Amino acid sequence: MPVITTRDYNNAKMNPKSTGIRHSLTAAMIKLCALFFGITTAVGAGDTPLPPSVVELMQANGIPESSISVVMRKVGSAQSTVSYNAATSRNPASTMKLVTTAAALQLLGPQHRWQTHALVVGNVRGNTLDGDLVLRGGGDPWLVIERFWLLASKLRDRGITHIDGDLVIDDTLFNRRAIETHAIDGKPMRSYNTSPSALLVNFGATSLTVDSDRGAVHVSTNPPATTLKISNTVDLSNESCAKKGRRIRLGLKKGASGAKLSVGGHYPADCGPSTFRRTLLPHGQYVYGVFKALWQRLGGTLNGGWHYGETPPDAVVAAELESVSLAEIIRYTNKFSNNVMARNLLLTLASDRPPATPAKAGHVIQDWLRHSGVAMPVLYIDNGAGLSREARVSAEGLAALLEAAANWPWWPEFLGSLPIAAVDGSLRKRFHNVAGPGRLRLKTGLLKAVRALGGYAIDRNGDVWVVVILHNHPRASSSVGIEIQHRLLETIFP
């Protein structure tokens, strides 16, 4: 497979709409318009036409056919039922996770597990550590609060109650500077924008719950963190319960030792709780604050502060936590489109050459694709999650990967990680009337002006189809974008 060139990269950075227009104009120069069921569409070299119902819908909504790329074909078939703008470079949104998770399964295996360690530096006298405690991250993408509590509990079971030193956070397996990126939409508190970390505790997120009774409004956080202070100025109101969470205002002031969250606005009485999941603290402060709160609940004390640092050579392992398997990790990643898990997973692919960076991991995937014989010539991976305006792939490239995956030993694990239409994950409420339960297993993708699908369909004869739909247009992320996908999928289930 060709290595990405400067020209490929520059093309990948172009506006998706402009890229589609360029492709459409080029196609028009090399091939005459074709007449299909009475509807005239521009068809590129090697393309098959879009179904007439799709063309009619797009034209009725002022959406050019040049803005969409589609590949739908039976696995093992030399011919695609639909192959339209298949080679065009597109923003794939979260369908990029298909590349990351497929690579991880093949390169690491479904039973791969991550290790997180708690190490002591200094002397333990009785139940007191006279020195620092080191938390060394191994890149676990699913170190949720319950499992972090388990690590703290294991440490407590070793007989340590009091820590007189600092908490040292060793996240050096990943290059922190290379992965701390700006929020894609200018909303850094949204949890989907959380940066990855080798010590990714609970996705760095806090669940903020607002509730009320007849007398007052109550605000609580989960998990609690000693580094986060809450100022609650929310007033009771007589508004409808339908608007119970819409009048809440959040203000965040960050400091060197923690942050203060101001929760204001209005909340109706006796309407039940509203929960907001947000990233409120820098990750170092978050890990320290959450660990200290958990440690105190376990009856312990932590007298020092915290700092980043490498594990000293004389540190001794006091507790160890093994992650769940990679097969479970990719199910969480794909079914619920967890961005930070995908980003941690990508970095894991380069963790044998620390500090891992997205660029190193991208080269690992490119090498793997080349040796696997999977052609993805316009692929550009920047974070592995698709939470990007610069990530690129073609429909044909993604279809080639999906078809190859159907012949790999770990395909059942890969297939099982995908959302099932009308059943679970990000497709739980989608495509109810297209096919029976279990027949559509597709990864979704959604950004402003981007909507995508990638995965598999199992038709009524039991044949497996590869499906890729990449749509880059201002209206793609609206409801009409879903209807376009719906009509395309209906062609598999006439």
Protein backbone atom coordinates (compact mmCIF):
# COMPACT_ATOMS: atom_id res chain seq x y z
CA MET A 1 0.00 0.00 0.00
CA PRO A 2 1.39 3.46 -0.86
CA VAL A 3 2.71 5.64 1.91
CA ILE A 4 0.80 8.90 2.40
CA THR A 5 2.41 11.67 0.37
CA THR A 6 2.41 15.41 0.96
CA ARG A 7 -0.12 15.71 -1.83
CA ASP A 8 -2.39 13.13 -0.16
CA TYR A 9 -2.16 15.01 3.13
CA ASN A 10 -2.94 18.36 1.53
CA ASN A 11 -5.92 16.82 -0.27
CA ALA A 12 -7.09 15.39 3.06
CA LYS A 13 -7.13 18.87 4.57
CA MET A 14 -9.35 20.28 1.85
CA ASN A 15 -12.92 21.20 2.57
CA PRO A 16 -15.04 18.04 2.08
CA LYS A 17 -17.53 19.88 -0.09
CA SER A 18 -14.77 21.27 -2.31
CA THR A 19 -13.23 17.80 -2.62
CA GLY A 20 -16.56 16.35 -3.70
CA ILE A 21 -17.08 19.11 -6.27
CA ARG A 22 -13.61 18.55 -7.72
CA HIS A 23 -14.31 14.82 -8.02
CA SER A 24 -17.67 15.47 -9.66
CA LEU A 25 -16.17 17.86 -12.22
CA THR A 26 -13.39 15.42 -13.06
CA ALA A 27 -15.88 12.60 -13.49
CA ALA A 28 -18.01 14.76 -15.75
CA MET A 29 -15.01 15.42 -17.99
CA ILE A 30 -14.23 11.75 -18.51
CA LYS A 31 -17.68 10.23 -18.75
CA LEU A 32 -21.04 11.27 -20.15
CA CYS A 33 -24.05 11.47 -17.90
CA ALA A 34 -25.96 8.18 -17.62
CA LEU A 35 -29.68 7.74 -17.67
CA PHE A 36 -30.89 5.54 -14.81
CA PHE A 37 -34.58 4.80 -14.32
CA GLY A 38 -35.42 8.10 -15.89
CA ILE A 39 -33.13 10.15 -13.61
CA THR A 40 -29.93 11.66 -14.94
CA THR A 41 -26.84 11.56 -12.67
CA ALA A 42 -23.15 12.17 -13.20
CA VAL A 43 -21.29 8.86 -12.87
CA GLY A 44 -17.51 8.65 -12.35
CA ALA A 45 -15.19 6.11 -13.90
CA GLY A 46 -15.83 2.68 -12.39
CA ASP A 47 -18.94 3.94 -10.60
CA THR A 48 -22.38 2.40 -10.49
CA PRO A 49 -25.34 4.78 -10.13
CA LEU A 50 -27.01 5.62 -6.87
CA PRO A 51 -30.48 4.11 -6.45
CA PRO A 52 -33.14 6.39 -7.98
CA SER A 53 -34.94 6.82 -4.62
CA VAL A 54 -31.72 8.21 -3.16
CA VAL A 55 -31.06 10.54 -6.09
CA GLU A 56 -34.63 11.82 -5.90
CA LEU A 57 -34.32 12.53 -2.16
CA MET A 58 -30.98 14.31 -2.53
CA GLN A 59 -32.16 16.44 -5.42
CA ALA A 60 -35.34 17.38 -3.56
CA ASN A 61 -33.21 18.66 -0.68
CA GLY A 62 -30.60 20.45 -2.79
CA ILE A 63 -27.83 18.00 -1.88
CA PRO A 64 -25.39 17.22 -4.72
CA GLU A 65 -24.63 13.57 -5.39
CA SER A 66 -20.96 14.56 -5.47
CA SER A 67 -21.10 14.93 -1.67
CA ILE A 68 -21.60 11.23 -0.96
CA SER A 69 -19.52 8.09 -1.38
CA VAL A 70 -21.10 4.65 -1.19
CA VAL A 71 -19.91 1.06 -1.49
CA MET A 72 -22.33 -1.84 -0.98
CA ARG A 73 -21.41 -5.34 -2.12
CA LYS A 74 -21.58 -8.96 -1.06
CA VAL A 75 -18.45 -10.23 0.64
CA GLY A 76 -16.50 -12.18 -1.96
CA SER A 77 -18.27 -10.62 -4.92
CA ALA A 78 -16.22 -8.99 -7.65
CA GLN A 79 -19.05 -6.57 -8.41
CA SER A 80 -20.55 -3.91 -6.15
CA THR A 81 -24.28 -3.31 -6.23
CA VAL A 82 -23.49 0.33 -5.48
CA SER A 83 -20.05 1.87 -5.88
CA TYR A 84 -20.35 5.62 -6.13
CA ASN A 85 -17.50 8.13 -5.68
CA ALA A 86 -15.75 5.18 -4.06
CA ALA A 87 -12.20 6.55 -4.38
CA THR A 88 -12.99 10.07 -3.15
CA SER A 89 -11.21 11.21 0.01
CA ARG A 90 -13.81 11.86 2.74
CA ASN A 91 -14.00 12.74 6.41
CA PRO A 92 -15.21 9.46 8.02
CA ALA A 93 -16.08 10.83 11.49
CA SER A 94 -16.30 7.93 13.97
CA THR A 95 -16.21 5.20 11.32
CA MET A 96 -12.44 5.73 11.62
CA LYS A 97 -12.77 3.62 14.78
CA LEU A 98 -13.24 0.62 12.48
CA VAL A 99 -9.64 1.02 11.32
CA THR A 100 -8.29 1.43 14.86
CA THR A 101 -10.19 -1.49 16.38
CA ALA A 102 -9.53 -3.85 13.46
CA ALA A 103 -5.80 -3.10 13.65
CA ALA A 104 -5.78 -3.63 17.41
CA LEU A 105 -7.50 -7.01 17.11
CA GLN A 106 -5.04 -8.24 14.50
CA LEU A 107 -1.89 -6.80 16.06
CA LEU A 108 -2.62 -7.38 19.76
CA GLY A 109 -5.16 -10.22 19.80
CA PRO A 110 -8.56 -10.29 21.55
CA GLN A 111 -7.09 -11.36 24.91
CA HIS A 112 -4.61 -8.48 25.17
CA ARG A 113 -4.78 -6.77 28.58
CA TRP A 114 -3.30 -3.63 30.09
CA GLN A 115 -1.60 -3.31 33.49
CA THR A 116 -1.90 -0.44 35.98
CA HIS A 117 0.48 -0.39 38.95
CA ALA A 118 0.65 1.28 42.35
CA LEU A 119 4.24 1.44 43.60
CA VAL A 120 5.78 2.68 46.83
CA VAL A 121 8.91 4.79 47.06
CA GLY A 122 10.32 4.95 50.60
CA ASN A 123 9.78 2.88 53.71
CA VAL A 124 6.59 1.31 55.01
CA ARG A 125 6.50 1.36 58.81
CA GLY A 126 3.44 -0.33 60.22
CA ASN A 127 0.52 1.06 58.24
CA THR A 128 2.32 4.23 57.13
CA LEU A 129 4.21 4.86 53.89
CA ASP A 130 7.00 7.31 54.62
CA GLY A 131 7.45 8.34 51.02
CA ASP A 132 5.61 8.72 47.72
CA LEU A 133 3.00 6.56 46.05
CA VAL A 134 3.40 6.15 42.29
CA LEU A 135 0.48 5.37 40.01
CA ARG A 136 1.95 4.06 36.75
CA GLY A 137 -0.43 3.87 33.81
CA GLY A 138 -0.21 1.19 31.17
CA GLY A 139 -2.71 2.76 28.78
CA ASP A 140 -5.86 0.94 29.97
CA PRO A 141 -8.72 2.49 27.95
CA TRP A 142 -11.38 1.34 30.46
CA LEU A 143 -10.03 2.19 33.92
CA VAL A 144 -13.48 3.24 35.09
CA ILE A 145 -14.13 4.43 38.63
CA GLU A 146 -15.17 0.99 39.92
CA ARG A 147 -11.89 -0.52 38.73
CA PHE A 148 -9.85 2.41 40.03
CA TRP A 149 -11.51 1.84 43.41
CA LEU A 150 -10.46 -1.82 43.15
CA LEU A 151 -6.81 -0.77 42.66
CA ALA A 152 -7.01 1.50 45.72
CA SER A 153 -8.65 -1.30 47.69
CA LYS A 154 -5.86 -3.72 46.75
CA LEU A 155 -3.32 -1.18 48.00
CA ARG A 156 -5.28 -0.79 51.24
CA ASP A 157 -5.32 -4.59 51.63
CA ARG A 158 -1.52 -4.52 51.67
CA GLY A 159 -1.79 -2.82 55.04
CA ILE A 160 -1.03 0.73 53.96
CA THR A 161 -3.35 3.33 55.49
CA HIS A 162 -1.38 6.56 55.70
CA ILE A 163 0.73 8.10 52.91
CA ASP A 164 3.03 10.85 54.11
CA GLY A 165 4.44 11.71 50.68
CA ASP A 166 3.06 12.81 47.32
CA LEU A 167 1.04 11.02 44.69
CA VAL A 168 3.27 10.66 41.61
CA ILE A 169 1.47 10.20 38.30
CA ASP A 170 3.54 8.25 35.79
CA ASP A 171 1.84 8.57 32.41
CA THR A 172 5.09 8.56 30.44
CA LEU A 173 4.07 5.61 28.25
CA PHE A 174 2.26 8.16 26.07
CA ASN A 175 3.67 11.50 24.92
CA ARG A 176 1.45 14.01 26.73
CA ARG A 177 2.36 16.96 24.50
CA ALA A 178 1.52 15.04 21.35
CA ILE A 179 -1.97 14.05 22.52
CA GLU A 180 -3.31 17.12 24.34
CA THR A 181 -5.28 18.62 21.47
CA HIS A 182 -7.81 21.44 21.29
CA ALA A 183 -11.51 20.66 21.49
CA ILE A 184 -12.91 20.06 18.01
CA ASP A 185 -15.96 22.26 18.58
CA GLY A 186 -14.69 24.74 21.17
CA LYS A 187 -16.39 22.81 23.98
CA PRO A 188 -13.54 21.51 26.16
CA MET A 189 -15.86 20.49 29.02
CA ARG A 190 -17.69 17.95 26.86
CA SER A 191 -16.44 14.48 27.78
CA TYR A 192 -16.08 13.37 24.15
CA ASN A 193 -13.22 15.90 23.86
CA THR A 194 -11.18 14.35 26.69
CA SER A 195 -7.55 13.79 25.73
CA PRO A 196 -6.11 10.27 26.07
CA SER A 197 -3.72 9.33 28.84
CA ALA A 198 -1.60 6.35 29.85
CA LEU A 199 -3.39 6.70 33.21
CA LEU A 200 -6.90 7.34 31.92
CA VAL A 201 -9.04 7.24 35.05
CA ASN A 202 -12.80 7.14 34.42
CA PHE A 203 -12.33 8.88 31.05
CA GLY A 204 -11.42 12.02 33.06
CA ALA A 205 -15.15 12.70 33.38
CA THR A 206 -17.41 13.85 36.21
CA SER A 207 -21.15 13.20 36.35
CA LEU A 208 -22.87 16.29 37.73
CA THR A 209 -26.38 15.63 39.04
CA VAL A 210 -28.91 18.39 39.74
CA ASP A 211 -32.01 17.45 41.72
CA SER A 212 -34.68 19.29 43.69
CA ASP A 213 -37.35 18.98 46.29
CA ARG A 214 -39.89 21.56 47.42
CA GLY A 215 -37.33 23.39 49.50
CA ALA A 216 -34.01 23.45 47.63
CA VAL A 217 -31.92 22.39 44.65
CA HIS A 218 -29.16 19.87 45.32
CA VAL A 219 -25.97 19.39 43.28
CA SER A 220 -23.71 16.33 43.57
CA THR A 221 -20.78 14.86 41.67
CA ASN A 222 -19.69 11.32 40.86
CA PRO A 223 -16.93 10.46 41.35
CA PRO A 224 -16.12 13.00 44.04
CA ALA A 225 -12.74 14.73 43.76
CA THR A 226 -11.01 16.70 46.50
CA THR A 227 -9.67 19.06 43.83
CA LEU A 228 -13.14 20.15 42.66
CA LYS A 229 -15.23 22.61 44.66
CA ILE A 230 -18.90 23.24 43.85
CA SER A 231 -20.73 26.54 44.26
CA ASN A 232 -24.48 25.95 43.99
CA THR A 233 -26.64 29.02 43.29
CA VAL A 234 -29.47 27.29 41.43
CA ASP A 235 -32.94 28.65 42.20
CA LEU A 236 -36.20 26.70 42.27
CA SER A 237 -38.68 27.56 39.53
CA ASN A 238 -42.22 26.74 38.48
CA GLU A 239 -41.29 25.84 34.92
CA SER A 240 -42.32 22.66 33.15
CA CYS A 241 -40.34 19.51 33.90
CA ALA A 242 -39.70 19.21 30.15
CA LYS A 243 -37.20 22.06 30.53
CA LYS A 244 -35.67 20.86 33.78
CA GLY A 245 -32.06 20.73 32.57
CA ARG A 246 -32.12 23.55 30.05
CA ARG A 247 -31.85 26.44 32.50
CA ILE A 248 -28.69 25.24 34.23
CA ARG A 249 -25.54 27.31 33.71
CA LEU A 250 -22.03 26.02 34.39
CA GLY A 251 -19.02 28.21 35.01
CA LEU A 252 -15.54 26.83 35.62
CA LYS A 253 -12.51 28.57 37.15
CA LYS A 254 -9.31 26.54 37.09
CA GLY A 255 -6.39 27.04 39.44
CA ALA A 256 -3.04 25.44 40.16
CA SER A 257 -4.44 23.19 42.90
CA GLY A 258 -7.92 22.50 41.52
CA ALA A 259 -11.06 24.05 40.07
CA LYS A 260 -14.24 25.73 41.23
CA LEU A 261 -17.46 24.92 39.40
CA SER A 262 -20.29 27.40 39.66
CA VAL A 263 -23.70 25.85 39.05
CA GLY A 264 -26.41 28.47 38.53
CA GLY A 265 -29.70 29.06 36.79
CA HIS A 266 -33.17 27.68 37.52
CA TYR A 267 -34.53 24.19 38.15
CA PRO A 268 -38.20 23.13 38.59
CA ALA A 269 -39.25 21.44 41.82
CA ASP A 270 -40.03 17.73 42.12
CA CYS A 271 -39.09 16.86 38.55
CA GLY A 272 -36.41 14.27 39.23
CA PRO A 273 -32.67 14.55 38.60
CA SER A 274 -30.75 15.76 35.54
CA THR A 275 -27.21 14.51 34.97
CA PHE A 276 -24.50 16.25 32.95
CA ARG A 277 -21.28 14.39 32.12
CA ARG A 278 -18.39 16.83 31.82
CA THR A 279 -14.60 17.05 31.88
CA LEU A 280 -13.95 19.64 34.58
CA LEU A 281 -10.35 19.10 35.72
CA PRO A 282 -6.97 18.69 34.02
CA HIS A 283 -6.19 15.01 34.15
CA GLY A 284 -3.44 15.20 36.77
CA GLN A 285 -5.66 17.13 39.16
CA TYR A 286 -8.50 14.75 38.40
CA VAL A 287 -6.51 11.58 39.16
CA TYR A 288 -5.15 13.04 42.39
CA GLY A 289 -8.51 14.41 43.55
CA VAL A 290 -10.42 11.21 42.78
CA PHE A 291 -7.76 8.96 44.30
CA LYS A 292 -7.60 11.04 47.48
CA ALA A 293 -11.39 10.98 47.84
CA LEU A 294 -11.48 7.19 47.34
CA TRP A 295 -8.55 6.71 49.71
CA GLN A 296 -10.27 8.71 52.42
CA ARG A 297 -13.44 6.62 52.01
CA LEU A 298 -11.28 3.54 52.53
CA GLY A 299 -10.10 5.03 55.81
CA GLY A 300 -6.74 6.27 54.56
CA THR A 301 -4.93 9.59 54.52
CA LEU A 302 -2.78 11.25 51.87
CA ASN A 303 -0.78 14.15 53.27
CA GLY A 304 1.13 15.29 50.21
CA GLY A 305 0.26 16.85 46.87
CA TRP A 306 0.84 15.42 43.42
CA HIS A 307 3.17 15.74 40.46
CA TYR A 308 3.97 14.04 37.19
CA GLY A 309 7.10 11.90 37.12
CA GLU A 310 8.76 8.71 35.98
CA THR A 311 8.76 5.72 38.27
CA PRO A 312 12.05 5.64 40.23
CA PRO A 313 14.13 2.47 39.73
CA ASP A 314 13.88 1.58 43.43
CA ALA A 315 10.05 1.72 43.48
CA VAL A 316 8.35 -1.48 44.65
CA VAL A 317 5.02 -2.72 43.27
CA ALA A 318 2.39 -2.72 46.03
CA ALA A 319 -0.73 -3.34 43.94
CA GLU A 320 -1.51 -4.25 40.35
CA LEU A 321 -4.71 -4.14 38.31
CA GLU A 322 -5.21 -6.01 35.05
CA SER A 323 -7.69 -4.60 32.54
CA VAL A 324 -10.56 -6.37 30.87
CA SER A 325 -9.72 -8.00 27.54
CA LEU A 326 -9.25 -6.16 24.26
CA ALA A 327 -12.33 -7.95 22.89
CA GLU A 328 -14.41 -6.24 25.60
CA ILE A 329 -12.62 -2.93 25.06
CA ILE A 330 -13.51 -2.76 21.37
CA ARG A 331 -17.16 -3.52 22.16
CA TYR A 332 -17.33 -0.48 24.44
CA THR A 333 -15.39 1.57 21.89
CA ASN A 334 -17.50 0.78 18.83
CA LYS A 335 -20.98 0.25 20.23
CA PHE A 336 -20.96 3.54 22.14
CA SER A 337 -18.45 5.38 19.93
CA ASN A 338 -16.17 6.23 22.84
CA ASN A 339 -13.60 8.66 21.47
CA VAL A 340 -11.03 8.66 24.24
CA MET A 341 -11.02 4.85 24.40
CA ALA A 342 -10.27 4.73 20.66
CA ARG A 343 -7.48 7.27 21.12
CA ASN A 344 -5.91 5.24 23.94
CA LEU A 345 -6.26 2.13 21.79
CA LEU A 346 -4.43 3.78 18.91
CA LEU A 347 -1.56 4.87 21.16
CA THR A 348 -1.29 1.34 22.56
CA LEU A 349 -0.24 0.19 19.08
CA ALA A 350 2.94 2.26 19.45
CA SER A 351 3.54 1.70 23.18
CA ASP A 352 6.38 -0.73 22.51
CA ARG A 353 8.34 2.38 21.44
CA PRO A 354 7.54 4.84 24.24
CA PRO A 355 6.60 7.54 24.46
CA ALA A 356 3.81 6.62 22.08
CA THR A 357 2.42 9.28 19.73
CA PRO A 358 -0.47 9.21 17.24
CA ALA A 359 2.04 9.61 14.40
CA LYS A 360 3.99 6.51 15.49
CA ALA A 361 0.77 4.55 15.82
CA GLY A 362 -0.36 5.73 12.38
CA HIS A 363 2.83 4.30 10.87
CA VAL A 364 2.19 1.00 12.66
CA ILE A 365 -1.26 0.80 11.04
CA GLN A 366 0.09 1.76 7.62
CA ASP A 367 2.73 -1.00 7.87
CA TRP A 368 0.12 -3.51 9.01
CA LEU A 369 -2.20 -2.65 6.11
CA ARG A 370 0.64 -2.96 3.62
CA HIS A 371 1.64 -6.39 4.92
CA SER A 372 -2.01 -7.47 5.02
CA GLY A 373 -2.53 -6.49 1.38
CA VAL A 374 -5.36 -4.06 2.22
CA ALA A 375 -5.28 -0.98 -0.04
CA MET A 376 -6.33 2.25 1.72
CA PRO A 377 -4.38 4.80 -0.35
CA VAL A 378 -6.04 8.00 0.96
CA LEU A 379 -6.11 6.97 4.62
CA TYR A 380 -5.02 9.68 7.05
CA ILE A 381 -5.26 8.91 10.78
CA ASP A 382 -4.60 11.64 13.29
CA ASN A 383 -6.17 10.36 16.52
CA GLY A 384 -7.83 7.03 15.69
CA ALA A 385 -11.27 8.12 16.87
CA GLY A 386 -12.45 10.19 13.90
CA LEU A 387 -13.01 13.19 16.18
CA SER A 388 -11.25 15.36 13.64
CA ARG A 389 -11.71 17.67 10.70
CA GLU A 390 -8.57 16.32 9.00
CA ALA A 391 -8.97 12.53 9.19
CA ARG A 392 -9.62 10.99 5.78
CA VAL A 393 -10.51 7.68 4.17
CA SER A 394 -12.25 6.57 0.97
CA ALA A 395 -15.35 4.41 0.84
CA GLU A 396 -13.51 1.82 -1.25
CA GLY A 397 -10.58 1.78 1.19
CA LEU A 398 -12.83 1.26 4.20
CA ALA A 399 -14.82 -1.39 2.28
CA ALA A 400 -11.57 -3.21 1.44
CA LEU A 401 -10.67 -3.29 5.14
CA LEU A 402 -14.11 -4.56 6.15
CA GLU A 403 -14.08 -7.28 3.50
CA ALA A 404 -10.60 -8.41 4.51
CA ALA A 405 -11.66 -8.46 8.16
CA ALA A 406 -14.49 -10.88 7.33
CA ASN A 407 -11.80 -13.47 6.53
CA TRP A 408 -9.60 -12.91 9.61
CA PRO A 409 -9.61 -15.25 12.63
CA TRP A 410 -10.94 -12.52 14.94
CA TRP A 411 -13.86 -11.45 12.72
CA PRO A 412 -16.51 -12.73 15.18
CA GLU A 413 -15.07 -10.44 17.88
CA PHE A 414 -14.91 -7.54 15.44
CA LEU A 415 -18.46 -8.12 14.17
CA GLY A 416 -19.71 -8.45 17.75
CA SER A 417 -18.29 -5.02 18.63
CA LEU A 418 -20.51 -3.18 16.14
CA PRO A 419 -23.82 -1.54 17.05
CA ILE A 420 -26.85 -3.61 16.05
CA ALA A 421 -29.69 -1.67 14.42
CA ALA A 422 -32.82 -1.47 16.59
CA VAL A 423 -31.02 -3.34 19.39
CA ASP A 424 -28.06 -1.59 21.02
CA GLY A 425 -25.33 1.03 20.99
CA SER A 426 -25.54 4.05 18.73
CA LEU A 427 -28.03 2.23 16.44
CA ARG A 428 -30.52 1.30 19.15
CA LYS A 429 -33.12 3.73 17.76
CA ARG A 430 -32.19 3.49 14.08
CA PHE A 431 -33.38 1.52 11.02
CA HIS A 432 -36.23 -0.32 12.78
CA ASN A 433 -38.14 -0.78 9.53
CA VAL A 434 -35.28 -1.76 7.23
CA ALA A 435 -34.39 -5.30 8.33
CA GLY A 436 -34.91 -7.73 11.18
CA PRO A 437 -32.89 -7.48 14.41
CA GLY A 438 -29.28 -8.53 14.01
CA ARG A 439 -29.11 -8.03 10.24
CA LEU A 440 -27.51 -4.58 10.32
CA ARG A 441 -24.25 -4.25 12.28
CA LEU A 442 -22.82 -0.86 11.52
CA LYS A 443 -20.50 1.70 13.08
CA THR A 444 -21.95 5.20 13.00
CA GLY A 445 -20.14 8.48 12.46
CA LEU A 446 -21.40 12.00 13.07
CA LEU A 447 -19.80 15.43 13.05
CA LYS A 448 -21.12 18.77 11.90
CA ALA A 449 -21.54 18.38 8.11
CA VAL A 450 -20.48 14.70 8.28
CA ARG A 451 -22.56 11.54 8.58
CA ALA A 452 -21.17 8.05 8.00
CA LEU A 453 -21.88 4.33 8.32
CA GLY A 454 -19.53 1.41 7.96
CA GLY A 455 -19.97 -2.29 8.67
CA TYR A 456 -22.00 -5.26 7.58
CA ALA A 457 -25.50 -6.27 6.51
CA ILE A 458 -26.80 -9.85 6.49
CA ASP A 459 -29.49 -10.20 3.84
CA ARG A 460 -32.49 -12.53 3.98
CA ASN A 461 -30.53 -15.25 2.15
CA GLY A 462 -27.82 -15.16 4.80
CA ASP A 463 -25.25 -13.43 2.55
CA VAL A 464 -22.96 -10.90 4.22
CA TRP A 465 -22.62 -7.47 2.66
CA VAL A 466 -20.01 -4.78 3.22
CA VAL A 467 -21.63 -1.35 3.63
CA VAL A 468 -19.83 2.01 3.62
CA ILE A 469 -21.61 5.37 3.37
CA LEU A 470 -19.52 8.53 3.75
CA HIS A 471 -21.46 11.77 3.39
CA ASN A 472 -19.75 15.18 3.69
CA HIS A 473 -22.23 18.02 3.28
CA PRO A 474 -23.76 20.70 5.55
CA ARG A 475 -27.09 18.82 5.51
CA ALA A 476 -25.57 15.36 6.04
CA SER A 477 -25.74 15.72 9.80
CA SER A 478 -29.45 16.63 9.68
CA SER A 479 -32.38 14.19 9.61
CA VAL A 480 -32.28 13.98 5.81
CA GLY A 481 -28.82 12.43 6.14
CA ILE A 482 -30.37 9.55 8.07
CA GLU A 483 -33.11 9.15 5.47
CA ILE A 484 -30.50 8.92 2.70
CA GLN A 485 -28.78 6.10 4.61
CA HIS A 486 -32.15 4.44 5.16
CA ARG A 487 -32.96 4.38 1.46
CA LEU A 488 -29.54 3.03 0.58
CA LEU A 489 -29.86 0.17 3.07
CA GLU A 490 -33.33 -0.69 1.75
CA THR A 491 -31.75 -1.80 -1.52
CA ILE A 492 -30.23 -4.79 0.33
CA PHE A 493 -33.63 -5.75 1.75
CA PRO A 494 -36.13 -5.28 -1.12
